[in-house]
Protein backbone atom coordinates (compact mmCIF):
# COMPACT_ATOMS: atom_id res chain seq x y z
CA MET A 1 24.43 157.47 38.36
CA LEU A 2 21.60 156.63 35.40
CA ASP A 3 23.83 158.37 32.76
CA PHE A 4 26.72 156.08 33.46
CA ILE A 5 24.65 152.95 33.70
CA GLN A 6 23.00 153.90 30.66
CA ASP A 7 26.57 154.91 28.56
CA ASN A 8 27.81 151.52 29.99
CA GLN A 9 25.28 149.25 29.68
CA ALA A 10 26.98 146.76 27.40
CA ALA A 11 30.20 146.61 29.68
CA LEU A 12 27.86 146.05 33.15
CA LEU A 13 26.37 143.39 31.23
CA GLU A 14 29.21 141.48 30.39
CA ALA A 15 30.34 141.98 33.86
CA ALA A 16 27.18 140.56 35.29
CA ILE A 17 27.48 137.77 33.08
CA PHE A 18 30.96 137.40 34.00
CA LEU A 19 29.99 137.38 38.02
CA SER A 20 27.46 134.58 37.24
CA VAL A 21 29.58 131.90 35.54
CA PHE A 22 32.62 133.03 38.12
CA VAL A 23 30.30 131.97 41.04
CA LEU A 24 29.15 129.01 39.20
CA VAL A 25 32.44 127.34 38.23
CA VAL A 26 33.98 128.31 41.98
CA ALA A 27 30.76 126.37 43.72
CA LEU A 28 31.12 123.36 41.11
CA MET A 29 34.62 123.33 42.30
CA LEU A 30 34.38 123.18 45.67
CA GLY A 31 31.24 120.53 44.83
CA SER A 32 33.06 118.38 43.31
CA SER A 33 36.24 118.50 45.64
CA GLU A 34 33.86 117.77 48.65
CA LYS A 35 32.51 114.45 46.70
CA ALA A 36 36.18 113.60 45.40
CA SER A 37 37.16 113.38 49.49
CA ASP A 38 34.08 111.29 50.23
CA SER A 39 34.42 109.24 47.88
CA ARG A 40 38.61 108.62 49.11
CA LEU A 41 37.26 108.36 52.87
CA LYS A 42 34.60 105.36 51.61
CA LYS A 43 37.37 103.86 49.88
CA ARG A 44 39.92 104.27 52.44
CA MET A 45 37.02 102.58 55.11
CA ASN A 46 36.36 99.53 52.88
CA ARG A 47 40.06 99.20 52.83
CA VAL A 48 40.21 99.03 56.79
CA ALA A 49 37.26 96.96 57.07
CA GLY A 50 38.72 94.13 55.12
CA GLY A 51 41.89 94.31 56.30
CA ARG A 52 40.63 93.64 59.69
CA SER A 53 39.03 90.91 58.45
CA GLY A 54 42.15 89.08 57.57
CA ARG A 55 44.02 89.45 60.80
CA PRO A 56 45.89 86.34 61.85
CA ALA A 57 45.47 85.10 65.65
CA PRO A 58 48.08 86.06 68.09
CA GLY A 59 50.11 83.13 68.98
CA SER A 60 53.80 82.96 68.74
CA ASP A 61 56.65 85.54 68.57
CA ALA A 62 56.69 86.14 64.78
CA VAL A 63 53.13 86.35 64.54
CA ASP A 64 53.55 88.89 67.26
CA ALA A 65 56.02 90.77 65.75
CA GLU A 66 54.40 90.83 62.08
CA LEU A 67 51.31 92.28 64.03
CA ARG A 68 53.61 95.01 65.68
CA ARG A 69 55.22 95.56 61.89
CA ARG A 70 51.29 95.93 60.69
CA GLN A 71 50.96 98.44 63.82
CA ILE A 72 53.48 100.72 62.83
CA ARG A 73 52.81 100.62 59.19
CA SER A 74 49.20 101.14 59.90
CA ALA A 75 49.83 104.28 62.43
CA MET A 76 52.42 105.61 59.49
CA LYS A 77 49.58 105.50 56.58
CA ASP A 78 47.27 107.26 58.76
CA SER A 79 49.73 109.67 60.27
CA LYS A 80 50.53 110.62 56.21
CA GLY A 81 46.79 110.49 55.07
CA GLY A 82 46.30 113.38 57.03
CA LYS A 83 49.11 115.69 55.59
CA GLY A 84 47.67 118.60 53.22
CA GLY A 85 47.49 117.90 49.80
CA LYS A 86 45.05 115.72 47.25
CA GLY A 87 44.31 113.97 50.56
CA ALA A 88 43.12 117.04 52.38
CA THR A 89 39.31 118.84 52.16
CA PHE A 90 39.60 122.56 51.19
CA GLN A 91 37.83 122.84 54.72
CA THR A 92 40.76 121.14 56.62
CA GLN A 93 43.10 123.57 54.52
CA LEU A 94 41.47 126.52 55.72
CA LYS A 95 41.76 124.77 59.39
CA GLN A 96 45.90 124.56 58.33
CA ALA A 97 46.19 128.38 57.89
CA GLY A 98 44.71 129.28 60.94
CA LEU A 99 41.45 130.94 59.01
CA ASP A 100 37.91 130.36 60.27
CA TRP A 101 36.47 131.04 57.08
CA SER A 102 33.75 129.17 55.88
CA LYS A 103 33.25 127.95 52.05
CA LYS A 104 30.44 131.05 51.53
CA LYS A 105 33.21 133.42 53.04
CA PHE A 106 35.74 132.06 50.63
CA VAL A 107 33.08 132.77 47.66
CA LEU A 108 32.79 136.00 48.90
CA VAL A 109 36.46 137.07 49.06
CA CYS A 110 36.70 135.40 45.59
CA LEU A 111 34.21 137.37 44.55
CA GLY A 112 35.09 140.59 45.58
CA THR A 113 38.88 139.83 44.44
CA ALA A 114 37.26 138.94 41.16
CA LEU A 115 35.06 142.24 40.92
CA LEU A 116 38.17 144.33 42.14
CA SER A 117 40.26 142.63 39.42
CA PHE A 118 37.92 143.49 36.50
CA GLY A 119 37.42 146.89 37.61
CA GLY A 120 41.17 147.57 37.80
CA LEU A 121 41.89 146.05 34.41
CA SER A 122 38.78 147.46 33.06
CA ILE A 123 39.15 150.87 34.14
CA GLY A 124 42.68 151.54 35.41
CA LEU A 125 44.46 149.56 32.33
CA GLN A 126 41.58 150.71 30.15
CA LEU A 127 41.49 146.63 28.52
CA ASN A 128 38.36 145.54 26.87
CA PRO A 129 35.83 143.76 28.65
CA MET A 130 36.31 140.60 26.84
CA MET A 131 40.21 140.52 27.72
CA ALA A 132 39.39 141.41 31.28
CA ALA A 133 37.07 139.07 31.94
CA PRO A 134 39.54 135.92 32.20
CA GLY A 135 42.09 137.75 33.99
CA ALA A 136 39.91 139.10 36.03
CA ALA A 137 38.10 135.50 37.10
CA PHE A 138 41.82 133.85 37.26
CA LEU A 139 43.10 136.49 39.91
CA GLY A 140 39.72 136.02 41.48
CA LEU A 141 41.19 132.14 41.84
CA ALA A 142 44.41 132.60 42.33
CA LEU A 143 45.17 135.22 44.81
CA PRO A 144 42.58 134.24 47.42
CA TYR A 145 44.27 130.51 46.93
CA PHE A 146 47.69 131.96 47.21
CA PHE A 147 46.85 133.96 50.24
CA VAL A 148 45.46 130.64 51.88
CA VAL A 149 48.98 128.61 50.72
CA ARG A 150 50.80 131.49 52.38
CA ALA A 151 49.26 131.89 55.60
CA THR A 152 49.41 127.91 55.92
CA LYS A 153 52.98 128.13 55.47
CA VAL A 154 53.78 130.58 58.09
CA ARG A 155 51.46 128.94 60.48
CA LEU A 156 53.43 125.94 60.05
CA LYS A 157 56.87 127.20 60.27
CA LYS A 158 56.21 128.93 63.32
CA PHE A 159 54.84 125.59 64.88
CA SER A 160 57.59 123.79 63.57
CA ASN A 161 60.14 126.22 65.51
CA GLU A 162 58.57 125.70 68.74
CA PHE A 163 57.45 122.28 68.41
CA PRO A 164 60.89 120.97 69.65
CA ALA A 165 60.65 122.92 72.81
CA ALA A 166 57.49 121.04 73.34
CA LEU A 167 59.19 117.49 73.12
CA ASP A 168 61.47 118.68 75.74
CA ILE A 169 58.38 119.66 78.14
CA ILE A 170 57.54 116.29 77.97
CA VAL A 171 60.61 114.61 77.96
CA ARG A 172 61.84 116.27 81.33
CA GLY A 173 57.79 116.15 83.14
CA VAL A 174 57.94 112.31 81.80
CA SER A 175 61.48 111.60 83.24
CA ALA A 176 60.89 113.64 86.73
CA GLY A 177 57.63 111.50 87.04
CA LEU A 178 54.74 113.71 85.70
CA PRO A 179 51.70 111.91 83.94
CA LEU A 180 51.82 112.49 80.53
CA SER A 181 48.47 114.40 80.56
CA GLU A 182 50.23 116.97 83.03
CA CYS A 183 52.85 117.74 80.28
CA LEU A 184 50.44 117.78 77.51
CA LYS A 185 48.41 120.85 80.13
CA THR A 186 51.92 122.54 80.76
CA ILE A 187 52.50 122.96 76.84
CA ALA A 188 49.11 123.89 75.97
CA ASN A 189 49.00 126.82 79.16
CA GLU A 190 52.84 127.66 78.31
CA THR A 191 54.01 127.61 74.85
CA LYS A 192 53.66 130.00 72.30
CA GLU A 193 51.03 129.61 69.49
CA PRO A 194 50.02 127.64 67.10
CA VAL A 195 51.58 125.19 69.64
CA ARG A 196 49.22 126.41 72.36
CA SER A 197 46.34 126.54 70.41
CA GLU A 198 47.01 122.97 68.61
CA PHE A 199 47.69 121.24 71.95
CA GLN A 200 44.36 122.81 73.79
CA MET A 201 42.72 121.21 70.75
CA LEU A 202 44.35 117.70 71.28
CA LEU A 203 43.74 118.02 75.21
CA ASN A 204 40.18 118.99 74.46
CA ASP A 205 39.76 115.74 72.64
CA GLN A 206 41.17 113.92 75.09
CA SER A 207 38.52 114.80 77.59
CA VAL A 208 35.45 113.94 75.53
CA GLY A 209 36.94 110.54 75.92
CA MET A 210 39.32 110.31 72.41
CA PRO A 211 42.57 107.59 73.17
CA LEU A 212 45.66 109.55 73.23
CA GLU A 213 46.81 108.13 69.53
CA LYS A 214 43.63 109.31 67.89
CA ALA A 215 43.91 112.90 69.04
CA ALA A 216 47.36 112.91 68.18
CA HIS A 217 46.84 111.41 65.16
CA ARG A 218 44.33 114.44 64.75
CA LEU A 219 46.47 116.91 65.22
CA ALA A 220 49.13 115.56 62.43
CA VAL A 221 45.85 116.07 60.29
CA ARG A 222 45.35 119.63 61.44
CA VAL A 223 49.43 120.11 61.03
CA PRO A 224 50.74 118.52 58.29
CA LEU A 225 54.67 118.13 59.10
CA ALA A 226 56.78 115.37 59.13
CA GLU A 227 57.25 116.07 63.05
CA THR A 228 53.78 115.56 64.05
CA SER A 229 53.63 112.76 61.90
CA PHE A 230 56.54 111.29 63.95
CA PHE A 231 55.05 112.91 66.84
CA ALA A 232 51.53 110.51 65.96
CA ILE A 233 53.40 106.92 65.21
CA VAL A 234 55.66 107.28 68.30
CA LEU A 235 52.45 107.68 70.65
CA ALA A 236 50.71 105.02 68.76
CA VAL A 237 53.58 102.65 68.61
CA GLN A 238 54.10 103.39 72.23
CA SER A 239 50.81 102.76 73.32
CA ARG A 240 50.58 99.17 71.73
CA SER A 241 53.82 98.38 72.09
CA GLY A 242 55.40 100.24 74.99
CA GLY A 243 58.80 101.58 75.34
CA SER A 244 60.57 104.16 77.29
CA LEU A 245 58.52 107.14 76.00
CA SER A 246 61.03 109.95 77.57
CA GLU A 247 63.58 108.22 75.31
CA ILE A 248 62.05 107.81 72.32
CA LEU A 249 60.89 111.63 72.83
CA ASN A 250 64.39 112.79 73.33
CA ASN A 251 65.60 111.26 70.02
CA LEU A 252 62.65 112.43 68.34
CA SER A 253 63.40 116.03 69.58
CA LEU A 254 67.18 115.45 68.11
CA VAL A 255 65.37 114.38 64.76
CA VAL A 256 63.58 116.80 64.69
CA ARG A 257 66.23 119.74 65.15
CA GLY A 258 68.66 118.34 63.09
CA ARG A 259 66.12 118.44 59.89
CA LYS A 260 65.68 122.17 61.37
CA MET A 261 69.84 122.59 60.87
CA LEU A 262 69.64 120.77 57.34
CA ASP A 263 67.19 122.94 56.52
CA ALA A 264 68.81 126.22 57.36
CA GLN A 265 71.95 124.88 55.52
CA ILE A 266 69.97 124.22 52.46
CA LYS A 267 68.46 127.76 52.63
CA THR A 268 71.64 129.29 53.21
CA MET A 269 73.33 127.41 49.92
CA SER A 270 70.36 128.25 47.89
CA SER A 271 69.81 131.90 48.75
CA GLU A 272 72.19 133.08 45.87
CA ALA A 273 69.92 130.87 43.33
CA LYS A 274 66.58 132.41 44.91
CA MET A 275 67.85 136.04 44.81
CA SER A 276 68.93 135.34 41.38
CA GLY A 277 65.34 134.04 40.02
CA ARG A 278 63.82 137.14 41.67
CA MET A 279 66.06 139.56 40.27
CA ILE A 280 65.36 137.21 36.70
CA GLY A 281 61.53 137.59 37.45
CA ALA A 282 61.10 141.61 38.50
CA MET A 283 63.29 142.41 35.67
CA PRO A 284 60.25 142.44 32.94
CA MET A 285 58.09 144.38 35.19
CA LEU A 286 60.50 147.12 36.26
CA VAL A 287 61.26 147.70 32.95
CA ALA A 288 58.25 147.92 31.64
CA GLY A 289 57.62 150.48 34.60
CA ALA A 290 60.38 152.41 33.68
CA LEU A 291 59.51 152.65 29.98
CA PHE A 292 55.49 153.55 30.72
CA TYR A 293 57.17 156.32 32.98
CA LEU A 294 59.70 157.65 30.58
CA SER A 295 58.00 156.89 26.92
CA PRO A 296 54.41 156.32 27.89
CA GLU A 297 53.40 155.83 23.92
CA TYR A 298 55.51 152.81 23.69
CA ILE A 299 53.38 151.21 26.29
CA THR A 300 49.66 152.05 25.42
CA VAL A 301 50.55 150.61 21.87
CA LEU A 302 50.04 147.25 24.01
CA THR A 303 47.48 148.53 26.30
CA GLY A 304 45.33 150.54 23.82
CA THR A 305 45.04 147.85 20.76
CA SER A 306 43.83 144.16 20.91
CA ILE A 307 46.81 142.85 19.66
CA GLY A 308 48.51 144.28 21.84
CA GLN A 309 46.61 143.15 24.97
CA LEU A 310 46.95 139.44 23.23
CA ILE A 311 50.82 140.15 23.25
CA LEU A 312 50.39 141.43 27.23
CA GLY A 313 48.67 138.10 27.88
CA GLY A 314 51.16 136.09 26.07
CA CYS A 315 54.18 137.48 27.85
CA ALA A 316 52.45 136.83 31.45
CA LEU A 317 51.33 133.76 31.01
CA TRP A 318 54.94 132.48 30.03
CA MET A 319 56.64 134.91 32.35
CA PHE A 320 54.55 132.68 34.97
CA THR A 321 55.31 129.93 34.08
CA GLY A 322 59.15 130.69 33.77
CA ILE A 323 58.46 131.73 37.47
CA MET A 324 57.23 128.31 38.86
CA VAL A 325 59.57 126.80 37.33
CA MET A 326 62.88 128.46 38.50
CA LYS A 327 60.69 128.23 41.75
CA LYS A 328 60.69 124.32 41.27
CA MET A 329 64.15 124.31 41.17
CA ILE A 330 65.47 126.37 43.75
CA ASN A 331 63.24 125.04 46.53
CA PHE A 332 64.14 121.95 48.40
CA ASP A 333 62.48 119.86 50.83
CA VAL A 334 64.27 118.40 53.67
């Protein structure tokens, strides 16, 4: 062990410096995102406070209609504000993925991924440590992030598939004369995950005294889908202006099922383009693997020299850029 340390002092020192800088960069990124979210929250609270002071006093049908339109717009803005993206904190994104990770655990995951990547690049591919450090830093940040994004997409897709059945339970229960709270309890007890756990949290919010429209808004924040935003808007508007809840939710269920059918048709029509993009993106790696197996001397020129490593880095960058462009071109949102 001591002999290994003495023989690789320079590489170990570079690895230690790289890990220190990597942890510092991750901590600064998480801190800046949290500060930005706090500033956006303060600005939003100031706008809401300013809007409340300028409300007109109800006294006529026209004023009531204007107030109702403002309420609907406010509900729509609140539901859209909870979508995962620029307005969502990183902790919210972890919850949307169904992960109970803290920021410290995510930093540890990034650090472990960076260490494994650094070892694989410097030892497995025998790259220069100065060349392996940037690649390990990129992989240490990118791989955990894409894992969270992938887990979020899978969980949201499961929720979207089960959500129409939950709406049907509410429609049937309300039509039969059951209170809405009993319908929500049925959903929280009998539906599949992740709908069951999300509605259990909605009931927990109600049990501590939170109004139903606020609890539905928090559901739309935790599950950033158009379906949950529509659901929160329907409950907010129905609680403020009244109306037949069963009829409104029945129409919402039809809309949700229609969106799913349209999404399935789009996937069917774009499947050929997606397969072509996957083949084009995988072809260079398949050819490089075949050459490495058949004639290793052609590949070792790239992995064993500094110029070859620079060429490989540039090729990887341009391949990644091309794959992202193709992904944007063949992906469609309903």
